[in-house]
Amino acid sequence: MNLDDQMERCALEYCKRRDFLPFQCTLCHKKFCLEHKDLKDHECPFQFAEKKAVQCSKCNKVIQYLSTKSEEEVLKQHVCEQVKKEESKCPQCKVRLNEVNKYECKQCHREVCLKHRMQEDHNCRRINQTGCCILM
């Protein structure tokens, strides 16, 4: 095992020092040696960027970002948990599923509402056309 393969180089162009445990900048996400770990030492392009925050109107989550991005761009990239919950619907009747009315079929692993929990009610993939279960 070669030790050089386990070491990483400092991202600063004129340094390139090898290090076992490099420091990763929290703003530019590049890795640096001990000497260049501080923002001013590696001249981080984001060192003067302001930290801002915006609140999502759907899930009320506060999203932190740097002033180098626009508020609209940050909100577009945000994956809202509320939207994920709304997307979960029964494939048969299109009723929104939640923790109370959701059932996962043990055969096909599809999530359906309680009304369609029986295999024949949700067109289970494990049942063939004659109505008999497929043996595996």
C-alpha atoms as a PDB file:
ATOM      1  CA  MET A   1       0.000   0.000   0.000  1.00  0.00           C
ATOM      2  CA  ASN A   2       1.442   3.316  -1.100  1.00  0.00           C
ATOM      3  CA  LEU A   3       1.175   6.227   1.379  1.00  0.00           C
ATOM      4  CA  ASP A   4       1.139   8.783  -1.434  1.00  0.00           C
ATOM      5  CA  ASP A   5      -2.189   7.365  -2.614  1.00  0.00           C
ATOM      6  CA  GLN A   6      -3.768   8.107   0.770  1.00  0.00           C
ATOM      7  CA  MET A   7      -2.603  11.728   0.906  1.00  0.00           C
ATOM      8  CA  GLU A   8      -4.400  14.642  -0.708  1.00  0.00           C
ATOM      9  CA  ARG A   9      -2.861  17.785  -2.148  1.00  0.00           C
ATOM     10  CA  CYS A  10      -3.620  21.312  -0.990  1.00  0.00           C
ATOM     11  CA  ALA A  11      -5.981  22.953  -3.503  1.00  0.00           C
ATOM     12  CA  LEU A  12      -3.971  26.183  -3.505  1.00  0.00           C
ATOM     13  CA  GLU A  13      -2.248  26.391  -6.883  1.00  0.00           C
ATOM     14  CA  TYR A  14       1.213  27.429  -5.650  1.00  0.00           C
ATOM     15  CA  CYS A  15       1.263  25.108  -2.596  1.00  0.00           C
ATOM     16  CA  LYS A  16       0.071  21.598  -3.572  1.00  0.00           C
ATOM     17  CA  ARG A  17       1.460  20.238  -0.273  1.00  0.00           C
ATOM     18  CA  ARG A  18       0.432  16.644   0.500  1.00  0.00           C
ATOM     19  CA  ASP A  19      -1.546  16.053   3.681  1.00  0.00           C
ATOM     20  CA  PHE A  20      -3.147  13.015   5.361  1.00  0.00           C
ATOM     21  CA  LEU A  21      -5.899  15.044   7.020  1.00  0.00           C
ATOM     22  CA  PRO A  22      -6.646  18.076   4.856  1.00  0.00           C
ATOM     23  CA  PHE A  23      -9.077  20.777   5.980  1.00  0.00           C
ATOM     24  CA  GLN A  24     -12.163  21.357   3.853  1.00  0.00           C
ATOM     25  CA  CYS A  25     -13.368  24.932   3.459  1.00  0.00           C
ATOM     26  CA  THR A  26     -17.020  25.296   4.458  1.00  0.00           C
ATOM     27  CA  LEU A  27     -17.634  27.899   1.757  1.00  0.00           C
ATOM     28  CA  CYS A  28     -15.768  26.757  -1.377  1.00  0.00           C
ATOM     29  CA  HIS A  29     -15.570  23.064  -0.333  1.00  0.00           C
ATOM     30  CA  LYS A  30     -11.953  22.693  -1.484  1.00  0.00           C
ATOM     31  CA  LYS A  31      -9.344  20.898   0.645  1.00  0.00           C
ATOM     32  CA  PHE A  32      -6.316  22.697   2.047  1.00  0.00           C
ATOM     33  CA  CYS A  33      -3.252  22.024   4.178  1.00  0.00           C
ATOM     34  CA  LEU A  34      -2.886  23.346   7.739  1.00  0.00           C
ATOM     35  CA  GLU A  35      -1.133  26.503   6.549  1.00  0.00           C
ATOM     36  CA  HIS A  36      -3.938  27.493   4.124  1.00  0.00           C
ATOM     37  CA  LYS A  37      -7.044  26.300   5.985  1.00  0.00           C
ATOM     38  CA  ASP A  38      -8.276  29.803   6.939  1.00  0.00           C
ATOM     39  CA  LEU A  39     -10.388  31.800   4.466  1.00  0.00           C
ATOM     40  CA  LYS A  40      -7.883  34.631   4.157  1.00  0.00           C
ATOM     41  CA  ASP A  41      -4.937  32.240   3.730  1.00  0.00           C
ATOM     42  CA  HIS A  42      -6.361  30.529   0.653  1.00  0.00           C
ATOM     43  CA  GLU A  43      -8.109  33.686  -0.587  1.00  0.00           C
ATOM     44  CA  CYS A  44     -11.523  32.053  -0.629  1.00  0.00           C
ATOM     45  CA  PRO A  45     -13.745  33.713  -3.246  1.00  0.00           C
ATOM     46  CA  PHE A  46     -16.689  33.466  -0.832  1.00  0.00           C
ATOM     47  CA  GLN A  47     -14.991  35.009   2.212  1.00  0.00           C
ATOM     48  CA  PHE A  48     -16.783  38.354   1.768  1.00  0.00           C
ATOM     49  CA  ALA A  49     -20.129  36.877   0.786  1.00  0.00           C
ATOM     50  CA  GLU A  50     -22.913  37.556   3.245  1.00  0.00           C
ATOM     51  CA  LYS A  51     -24.849  34.719   4.806  1.00  0.00           C
ATOM     52  CA  LYS A  52     -28.566  35.119   4.142  1.00  0.00           C
ATOM     53  CA  ALA A  53     -31.696  33.136   4.881  1.00  0.00           C
ATOM     54  CA  VAL A  54     -35.092  32.721   3.277  1.00  0.00           C
ATOM     55  CA  GLN A  55     -38.169  30.877   4.529  1.00  0.00           C
ATOM     56  CA  CYS A  56     -40.024  28.415   2.293  1.00  0.00           C
ATOM     57  CA  SER A  57     -43.693  29.363   2.062  1.00  0.00           C
ATOM     58  CA  LYS A  58     -44.805  25.712   1.728  1.00  0.00           C
ATOM     59  CA  CYS A  59     -42.930  23.932   4.533  1.00  0.00           C
ATOM     60  CA  ASN A  60     -41.851  26.995   6.597  1.00  0.00           C
ATOM     61  CA  LYS A  61     -38.258  25.712   6.658  1.00  0.00           C
ATOM     62  CA  VAL A  62     -35.509  28.357   6.861  1.00  0.00           C
ATOM     63  CA  ILE A  63     -32.907  27.906   4.122  1.00  0.00           C
ATOM     64  CA  GLN A  64     -29.482  29.484   4.576  1.00  0.00           C
ATOM     65  CA  TYR A  65     -27.457  30.601   1.553  1.00  0.00           C
ATOM     66  CA  LEU A  66     -24.651  32.937   0.493  1.00  0.00           C
ATOM     67  CA  SER A  67     -25.234  36.287  -1.173  1.00  0.00           C
ATOM     68  CA  THR A  68     -23.583  34.955  -4.334  1.00  0.00           C
ATOM     69  CA  LYS A  69     -26.875  33.181  -5.132  1.00  0.00           C
ATOM     70  CA  SER A  70     -30.266  34.750  -5.661  1.00  0.00           C
ATOM     71  CA  GLU A  71     -33.260  34.040  -3.434  1.00  0.00           C
ATOM     72  CA  GLU A  72     -35.249  32.635  -6.381  1.00  0.00           C
ATOM     73  CA  GLU A  73     -32.417  30.259  -7.311  1.00  0.00           C
ATOM     74  CA  VAL A  74     -32.212  28.946  -3.739  1.00  0.00           C
ATOM     75  CA  LEU A  75     -35.968  28.363  -3.533  1.00  0.00           C
ATOM     76  CA  LYS A  76     -35.949  26.529  -6.879  1.00  0.00           C
ATOM     77  CA  GLN A  77     -33.205  24.165  -5.632  1.00  0.00           C
ATOM     78  CA  HIS A  78     -34.966  23.579  -2.294  1.00  0.00           C
ATOM     79  CA  VAL A  79     -36.720  20.220  -2.130  1.00  0.00           C
ATOM     80  CA  CYS A  80     -39.763  20.907  -0.028  1.00  0.00           C
ATOM     81  CA  GLU A  81     -40.825  18.093   2.328  1.00  0.00           C
ATOM     82  CA  GLN A  82     -44.441  19.223   2.072  1.00  0.00           C
ATOM     83  CA  VAL A  83     -44.395  18.665  -1.705  1.00  0.00           C
ATOM     84  CA  LYS A  84     -43.052  15.126  -1.199  1.00  0.00           C
ATOM     85  CA  LYS A  85     -45.926  14.319   1.166  1.00  0.00           C
ATOM     86  CA  GLU A  86     -48.503  15.685  -1.274  1.00  0.00           C
ATOM     87  CA  GLU A  87     -47.158  13.578  -4.137  1.00  0.00           C
ATOM     88  CA  SER A  88     -47.964  10.315  -2.355  1.00  0.00           C
ATOM     89  CA  LYS A  89     -51.339   9.182  -3.747  1.00  0.00           C
ATOM     90  CA  CYS A  90     -53.186   5.893  -4.089  1.00  0.00           C
ATOM     91  CA  PRO A  91     -52.686   4.576  -7.654  1.00  0.00           C
ATOM     92  CA  GLN A  92     -56.335   3.405  -7.804  1.00  0.00           C
ATOM     93  CA  CYS A  93     -58.437   6.286  -6.473  1.00  0.00           C
ATOM     94  CA  LYS A  94     -55.811   9.105  -6.308  1.00  0.00           C
ATOM     95  CA  VAL A  95     -56.565   9.806  -2.619  1.00  0.00           C
ATOM     96  CA  ARG A  96     -53.657  11.471  -0.820  1.00  0.00           C
ATOM     97  CA  LEU A  97     -51.891   9.031   1.452  1.00  0.00           C
ATOM     98  CA  ASN A  98     -50.729   9.837   4.955  1.00  0.00           C
ATOM     99  CA  GLU A  99     -49.596   7.831   7.975  1.00  0.00           C
ATOM    100  CA  VAL A 100     -53.203   7.023   8.966  1.00  0.00           C
ATOM    101  CA  ASN A 101     -54.680   5.807   5.660  1.00  0.00           C
ATOM    102  CA  LYS A 102     -51.564   4.325   3.998  1.00  0.00           C
ATOM    103  CA  TYR A 103     -51.042   0.581   3.478  1.00  0.00           C
ATOM    104  CA  GLU A 104     -48.063  -1.129   1.828  1.00  0.00           C
ATOM    105  CA  CYS A 105     -48.916  -4.333  -0.025  1.00  0.00           C
ATOM    106  CA  LYS A 106     -46.771  -7.224   1.223  1.00  0.00           C
ATOM    107  CA  GLN A 107     -46.654  -8.752  -2.275  1.00  0.00           C
ATOM    108  CA  CYS A 108     -45.959  -5.889  -4.694  1.00  0.00           C
ATOM    109  CA  HIS A 109     -44.771  -3.277  -2.126  1.00  0.00           C
ATOM    110  CA  ARG A 110     -46.995  -0.522  -3.584  1.00  0.00           C
ATOM    111  CA  GLU A 111     -48.516   2.011  -1.218  1.00  0.00           C
ATOM    112  CA  VAL A 112     -52.298   2.177  -1.486  1.00  0.00           C
ATOM    113  CA  CYS A 113     -55.176   3.497   0.611  1.00  0.00           C
ATOM    114  CA  LEU A 114     -56.975   1.236   3.090  1.00  0.00           C
ATOM    115  CA  LYS A 115     -59.914   0.801   0.702  1.00  0.00           C
ATOM    116  CA  HIS A 116     -57.611  -0.823  -1.886  1.00  0.00           C
ATOM    117  CA  ARG A 117     -55.429  -2.840   0.509  1.00  0.00           C
ATOM    118  CA  MET A 118     -56.617  -6.226  -0.789  1.00  0.00           C
ATOM    119  CA  GLN A 119     -54.556  -7.605  -3.678  1.00  0.00           C
ATOM    120  CA  GLU A 120     -57.521  -7.891  -6.024  1.00  0.00           C
ATOM    121  CA  ASP A 121     -58.598  -4.295  -5.263  1.00  0.00           C
ATOM    122  CA  HIS A 122     -55.349  -2.607  -6.347  1.00  0.00           C
ATOM    123  CA  ASN A 123     -54.417  -4.818  -9.312  1.00  0.00           C
ATOM    124  CA  CYS A 124     -51.529  -6.388  -7.495  1.00  0.00           C
ATOM    125  CA  ARG A 125     -48.706  -7.383  -9.819  1.00  0.00           C
ATOM    126  CA  ARG A 126     -48.415 -10.746  -8.044  1.00  0.00           C
ATOM    127  CA  ILE A 127     -51.907 -11.867  -9.085  1.00  0.00           C
ATOM    128  CA  ASN A 128     -52.364 -13.266 -12.576  1.00  0.00           C
ATOM    129  CA  GLN A 129     -55.459 -12.838 -14.776  1.00  0.00           C
ATOM    130  CA  THR A 130     -57.277 -15.870 -13.330  1.00  0.00           C
ATOM    131  CA  GLY A 131     -57.250 -14.358  -9.845  1.00  0.00           C
ATOM    132  CA  CYS A 132     -54.769 -16.846  -8.390  1.00  0.00           C
ATOM    133  CA  CYS A 133     -51.548 -15.814  -6.709  1.00  0.00           C
ATOM    134  CA  ILE A 134     -48.349 -16.378  -8.636  1.00  0.00           C
ATOM    135  CA  LEU A 135     -46.070 -18.784  -6.783  1.00  0.00           C
ATOM    136  CA  MET A 136     -42.380 -18.035  -6.643  1.00  0.00           C
END
